[in-house]
PDB file of all heavy atoms in Angstrom:
ATOM      1  N   ILE A   1      98.309 109.625 101.595  1.00  0.00           N
ATOM      2  CA  ILE A   1      98.446 109.502 102.955  1.00  0.00           C
ATOM      3  C   ILE A   1      98.615 107.945 103.321  1.00  0.00           C
ATOM      4  O   ILE A   1      99.429 107.618 104.228  1.00  0.00           O
ATOM      5  CB  ILE A   1      97.167 109.939 103.673  1.00  0.00           C
ATOM      6  CG1 ILE A   1      97.091 111.445 103.486  1.00  0.00           C
ATOM      7  CG2 ILE A   1      97.153 109.664 105.181  1.00  0.00           C
ATOM      8  CD1 ILE A   1      95.809 112.036 104.078  1.00  0.00           C
ATOM      9  N   ALA A   2      97.882 107.054 102.711  1.00  0.00           N
ATOM     10  CA  ALA A   2      98.039 105.665 103.001  1.00  0.00           C
ATOM     11  C   ALA A   2      99.447 105.143 102.698  1.00  0.00           C
ATOM     12  O   ALA A   2     100.025 104.331 103.522  1.00  0.00           O
ATOM     13  CB  ALA A   2      97.040 104.916 102.138  1.00  0.00           C
ATOM     14  N   CYS A   3     100.047 105.728 101.601  1.00  0.00           N
ATOM     15  CA  CYS A   3     101.354 105.249 101.213  1.00  0.00           C
ATOM     16  C   CYS A   3     102.594 105.923 101.998  1.00  0.00           C
ATOM     17  O   CYS A   3     103.680 105.521 102.040  1.00  0.00           O
ATOM     18  CB  CYS A   3     101.637 105.429  99.770  1.00  0.00           C
ATOM     19  SG  CYS A   3     100.671 104.440  98.712  1.00  0.00           S
ATOM     20  N   SER A   4     102.127 106.973 102.808  1.00  0.00           N
ATOM     21  CA  SER A   4     103.178 107.650 103.537  1.00  0.00           C
ATOM     22  C   SER A   4     103.474 106.904 104.956  1.00  0.00           C
ATOM     23  O   SER A   4     104.364 107.323 105.614  1.00  0.00           O
ATOM     24  CB  SER A   4     102.667 109.083 103.927  1.00  0.00           C
ATOM     25  OG  SER A   4     101.535 109.022 104.702  1.00  0.00           O
ATOM     26  N   VAL A   5     102.589 105.891 105.267  1.00  0.00           N
ATOM     27  CA  VAL A   5     102.697 105.162 106.560  1.00  0.00           C
ATOM     28  C   VAL A   5     103.862 104.215 106.303  1.00  0.00           C
ATOM     29  O   VAL A   5     103.872 103.353 105.423  1.00  0.00           O
ATOM     30  CB  VAL A   5     101.433 104.392 106.830  1.00  0.00           C
ATOM     31  CG1 VAL A   5     101.603 103.547 108.212  1.00  0.00           C
ATOM     32  CG2 VAL A   5     100.311 105.423 106.935  1.00  0.00           C
ATOM     33  N   PRO A   6     104.838 104.201 107.271  1.00  0.00           N
ATOM     34  CA  PRO A   6     106.031 103.271 107.238  1.00  0.00           C
ATOM     35  C   PRO A   6     105.593 101.844 107.327  1.00  0.00           C
ATOM     36  O   PRO A   6     104.690 101.547 108.118  1.00  0.00           O
ATOM     37  CB  PRO A   6     106.883 103.667 108.481  1.00  0.00           C
ATOM     38  CG  PRO A   6     106.517 105.051 108.732  1.00  0.00           C
ATOM     39  CD  PRO A   6     105.038 105.211 108.411  1.00  0.00           C
ATOM     40  N   HIS A   7     106.150 100.959 106.527  1.00  0.00           N
ATOM     41  CA  HIS A   7     105.721  99.540 106.572  1.00  0.00           C
ATOM     42  C   HIS A   7     106.978  98.720 106.286  1.00  0.00           C
ATOM     43  O   HIS A   7     107.793  99.186 105.498  1.00  0.00           O
ATOM     44  CB  HIS A   7     104.513  99.241 105.624  1.00  0.00           C
ATOM     45  CG  HIS A   7     103.879  97.967 105.875  1.00  0.00           C
ATOM     46  ND1 HIS A   7     104.321  96.846 105.211  1.00  0.00           N
ATOM     47  CD2 HIS A   7     102.811  97.589 106.644  1.00  0.00           C
ATOM     48  CE1 HIS A   7     103.485  95.875 105.643  1.00  0.00           C
ATOM     49  NE2 HIS A   7     102.644  96.303 106.471  1.00  0.00           N
ATOM     50  N   LYS A   8     106.882  97.571 106.746  1.00  0.00           N
ATOM     51  CA  LYS A   8     108.104  96.732 106.502  1.00  0.00           C
ATOM     52  C   LYS A   8     108.245  96.283 105.055  1.00  0.00           C
ATOM     53  O   LYS A   8     109.293  96.004 104.630  1.00  0.00           O
ATOM     54  CB  LYS A   8     107.918  95.384 107.363  1.00  0.00           C
ATOM     55  CG  LYS A   8     106.595  94.554 107.017  1.00  0.00           C
ATOM     56  CD  LYS A   8     106.403  93.432 107.897  1.00  0.00           C
ATOM     57  CE  LYS A   8     105.170  92.621 107.566  1.00  0.00           C
ATOM     58  NZ  LYS A   8     105.028  91.464 108.360  1.00  0.00           N
ATOM     59  N   ASP A   9     107.188  96.296 104.319  1.00  0.00           N
ATOM     60  CA  ASP A   9     107.262  96.011 102.886  1.00  0.00           C
ATOM     61  C   ASP A   9     107.592  97.301 102.161  1.00  0.00           C
ATOM     62  O   ASP A   9     106.812  98.314 102.077  1.00  0.00           O
ATOM     63  CB  ASP A   9     105.966  95.468 102.353  1.00  0.00           C
ATOM     64  CG  ASP A   9     106.015  94.996 100.977  1.00  0.00           C
ATOM     65  OD1 ASP A   9     106.986  95.220 100.208  1.00  0.00           O
ATOM     66  OD2 ASP A   9     104.992  94.410 100.439  1.00  0.00           O
ATOM     67  N   ALA A  10     108.723  97.354 101.543  1.00  0.00           N
ATOM     68  CA  ALA A  10     109.115  98.582 100.931  1.00  0.00           C
ATOM     69  C   ALA A  10     108.459  98.934  99.552  1.00  0.00           C
ATOM     70  O   ALA A  10     108.499 100.029  99.049  1.00  0.00           O
ATOM     71  CB  ALA A  10     110.745  98.575 100.599  1.00  0.00           C
ATOM     72  N   ASN A  11     107.742  97.947  99.034  1.00  0.00           N
ATOM     73  CA  ASN A  11     107.027  98.109  97.640  1.00  0.00           C
ATOM     74  C   ASN A  11     105.631  98.166  97.859  1.00  0.00           C
ATOM     75  O   ASN A  11     104.837  97.859  96.809  1.00  0.00           O
ATOM     76  CB  ASN A  11     107.548  96.973  96.762  1.00  0.00           C
ATOM     77  CG  ASN A  11     108.957  96.901  96.570  1.00  0.00           C
ATOM     78  OD1 ASN A  11     109.675  97.848  96.386  1.00  0.00           O
ATOM     79  ND2 ASN A  11     109.582  95.665  96.646  1.00  0.00           N
ATOM     80  N   VAL A  12     105.093  98.605  98.921  1.00  0.00           N
ATOM     81  CA  VAL A  12     103.615  98.533  99.165  1.00  0.00           C
ATOM     82  C   VAL A  12     102.894  99.509  98.291  1.00  0.00           C
ATOM     83  O   VAL A  12     101.703  99.302  97.962  1.00  0.00           O
ATOM     84  CB  VAL A  12     103.315  98.775 100.581  1.00  0.00           C
ATOM     85  CG1 VAL A  12     103.840  97.759 101.442  1.00  0.00           C
ATOM     86  CG2 VAL A  12     103.874 100.191 101.018  1.00  0.00           C
ATOM     87  N   CYS A  13     103.438 100.637  97.730  1.00  0.00           N
ATOM     88  CA  CYS A  13     102.750 101.557  97.014  1.00  0.00           C
ATOM     89  C   CYS A  13     103.063 101.763  95.577  1.00  0.00           C
ATOM     90  O   CYS A  13     103.124 102.850  95.047  1.00  0.00           O
ATOM     91  CB  CYS A  13     102.732 102.927  97.690  1.00  0.00           C
ATOM     92  SG  CYS A  13     101.857 102.895  99.322  1.00  0.00           S
ATOM     93  N   GLN A  14     103.631 100.757  94.920  1.00  0.00           N
ATOM     94  CA  GLN A  14     104.029 100.915  93.534  1.00  0.00           C
ATOM     95  C   GLN A  14     102.796 100.963  92.702  1.00  0.00           C
ATOM     96  O   GLN A  14     101.707 100.235  92.952  1.00  0.00           O
ATOM     97  CB  GLN A  14     104.829  99.683  93.137  1.00  0.00           C
ATOM     98  CG  GLN A  14     106.243  99.738  93.714  1.00  0.00           C
ATOM     99  CD  GLN A  14     107.103  98.523  93.173  1.00  0.00           C
ATOM    100  OE1 GLN A  14     106.566  97.555  92.537  1.00  0.00           O
ATOM    101  NE2 GLN A  14     108.362  98.535  93.378  1.00  0.00           N
ATOM    102  N   SER A  15     102.790 101.699  91.635  1.00  0.00           N
ATOM    103  CA  SER A  15     101.552 101.889  90.831  1.00  0.00           C
ATOM    104  C   SER A  15     101.304 100.541  90.068  1.00  0.00           C
ATOM    105  O   SER A  15     102.237  99.928  89.627  1.00  0.00           O
ATOM    106  CB  SER A  15     101.821 103.007  89.824  1.00  0.00           C
ATOM    107  OG  SER A  15     102.017 104.266  90.487  1.00  0.00           O
ATOM    108  N   PRO A  16     100.112 100.192  89.963  1.00  0.00           N
ATOM    109  CA  PRO A  16      99.845  98.854  89.302  1.00  0.00           C
ATOM    110  C   PRO A  16     100.270  98.923  87.781  1.00  0.00           C
ATOM    111  O   PRO A  16     100.035  99.959  87.122  1.00  0.00           O
ATOM    112  CB  PRO A  16      98.302  98.804  89.478  1.00  0.00           C
ATOM    113  CG  PRO A  16      97.886 100.125  89.615  1.00  0.00           C
ATOM    114  CD  PRO A  16      98.883 100.844  90.297  1.00  0.00           C
ATOM    115  N   LYS A  17     100.758  97.841  87.314  1.00  0.00           N
ATOM    116  CA  LYS A  17     101.114  97.803  85.969  1.00  0.00           C
ATOM    117  C   LYS A  17      99.964  97.312  85.046  1.00  0.00           C
ATOM    118  O   LYS A  17     100.079  97.360  83.797  1.00  0.00           O
ATOM    119  CB  LYS A  17     102.314  96.811  85.762  1.00  0.00           C
ATOM    120  CG  LYS A  17     103.550  97.233  86.538  1.00  0.00           C
ATOM    121  CD  LYS A  17     104.752  96.341  86.379  1.00  0.00           C
ATOM    122  CE  LYS A  17     105.848  96.743  87.189  1.00  0.00           C
ATOM    123  NZ  LYS A  17     106.998  95.761  87.054  1.00  0.00           N
ATOM    124  N   SER A  18      98.863  96.829  85.653  1.00  0.00           N
ATOM    125  CA  SER A  18      97.829  96.438  84.848  1.00  0.00           C
ATOM    126  C   SER A  18      96.503  96.654  85.608  1.00  0.00           C
ATOM    127  O   SER A  18      96.486  96.961  86.737  1.00  0.00           O
ATOM    128  CB  SER A  18      97.853  94.886  84.524  1.00  0.00           C
ATOM    129  OG  SER A  18      97.859  94.189  85.806  1.00  0.00           O
ATOM    130  N   ALA A  19      95.423  96.521  84.928  1.00  0.00           N
ATOM    131  CA  ALA A  19      94.131  96.841  85.602  1.00  0.00           C
ATOM    132  C   ALA A  19      93.285  95.562  85.719  1.00  0.00           C
ATOM    133  O   ALA A  19      92.147  95.586  85.622  1.00  0.00           O
ATOM    134  CB  ALA A  19      93.371  97.914  84.823  1.00  0.00           C
ATOM    135  N   VAL A  20      94.025  94.433  85.936  1.00  0.00           N
ATOM    136  CA  VAL A  20      93.223  93.183  85.968  1.00  0.00           C
ATOM    137  C   VAL A  20      92.505  93.190  87.380  1.00  0.00           C
ATOM    138  O   VAL A  20      93.146  93.419  88.460  1.00  0.00           O
ATOM    139  CB  VAL A  20      94.207  92.004  85.990  1.00  0.00           C
ATOM    140  CG1 VAL A  20      93.584  90.627  86.226  1.00  0.00           C
ATOM    141  CG2 VAL A  20      94.999  91.997  84.610  1.00  0.00           C
ATOM    142  N   ILE A  21      91.243  92.827  87.333  1.00  0.00           N
ATOM    143  CA  ILE A  21      90.428  92.735  88.569  1.00  0.00           C
ATOM    144  C   ILE A  21      90.500  91.322  89.101  1.00  0.00           C
ATOM    145  O   ILE A  21      90.291  90.407  88.378  1.00  0.00           O
ATOM    146  CB  ILE A  21      89.073  93.106  88.275  1.00  0.00           C
ATOM    147  CG1 ILE A  21      88.902  94.548  87.683  1.00  0.00           C
ATOM    148  CG2 ILE A  21      88.112  92.976  89.448  1.00  0.00           C
ATOM    149  CD1 ILE A  21      89.262  95.486  88.626  1.00  0.00           C
ATOM    150  N   PHE A  22      90.962  91.361  90.395  1.00  0.00           N
ATOM    151  CA  PHE A  22      90.996  90.030  91.107  1.00  0.00           C
ATOM    152  C   PHE A  22      89.761  89.804  91.818  1.00  0.00           C
ATOM    153  O   PHE A  22      89.362  90.571  92.752  1.00  0.00           O
ATOM    154  CB  PHE A  22      92.156  90.120  92.160  1.00  0.00           C
ATOM    155  CG  PHE A  22      92.282  88.894  92.963  1.00  0.00           C
ATOM    156  CD1 PHE A  22      92.700  87.654  92.388  1.00  0.00           C
ATOM    157  CD2 PHE A  22      91.851  88.957  94.380  1.00  0.00           C
ATOM    158  CE1 PHE A  22      92.769  86.512  93.245  1.00  0.00           C
ATOM    159  CE2 PHE A  22      91.860  87.797  95.104  1.00  0.00           C
ATOM    160  CZ  PHE A  22      92.393  86.638  94.571  1.00  0.00           C
ATOM    161  N   GLN A  23      88.939  88.773  91.404  1.00  0.00           N
ATOM    162  CA  GLN A  23      87.761  88.377  92.151  1.00  0.00           C
ATOM    163  C   GLN A  23      87.933  87.010  92.732  1.00  0.00           C
ATOM    164  O   GLN A  23      88.231  86.040  92.115  1.00  0.00           O
ATOM    165  CB  GLN A  23      86.548  88.334  91.179  1.00  0.00           C
ATOM    166  CG  GLN A  23      86.246  89.697  90.416  1.00  0.00           C
ATOM    167  CD  GLN A  23      85.167  89.732  89.568  1.00  0.00           C
ATOM    168  OE1 GLN A  23      84.746  88.675  89.069  1.00  0.00           O
ATOM    169  NE2 GLN A  23      84.591  90.850  89.387  1.00  0.00           N
ATOM    170  N   ASP A  24      87.685  86.934  94.065  1.00  0.00           N
ATOM    171  CA  ASP A  24      87.732  85.747  94.794  1.00  0.00           C
ATOM    172  C   ASP A  24      86.265  85.311  95.129  1.00  0.00           C
ATOM    173  O   ASP A  24      85.696  86.021  96.027  1.00  0.00           O
ATOM    174  CB  ASP A  24      88.606  85.873  96.061  1.00  0.00           C
ATOM    175  CG  ASP A  24      88.779  84.623  96.819  1.00  0.00           C
ATOM    176  OD1 ASP A  24      88.282  83.601  96.312  1.00  0.00           O
ATOM    177  OD2 ASP A  24      89.514  84.573  97.832  1.00  0.00           O
TER     178      ASP A  24
END
């Protein structure tokens, strides 16, 4: 459902290529 929402960014729902956790 989240990825079915139109957005200006065409690549918003590509599957991740890695499982690196980003911690800020």
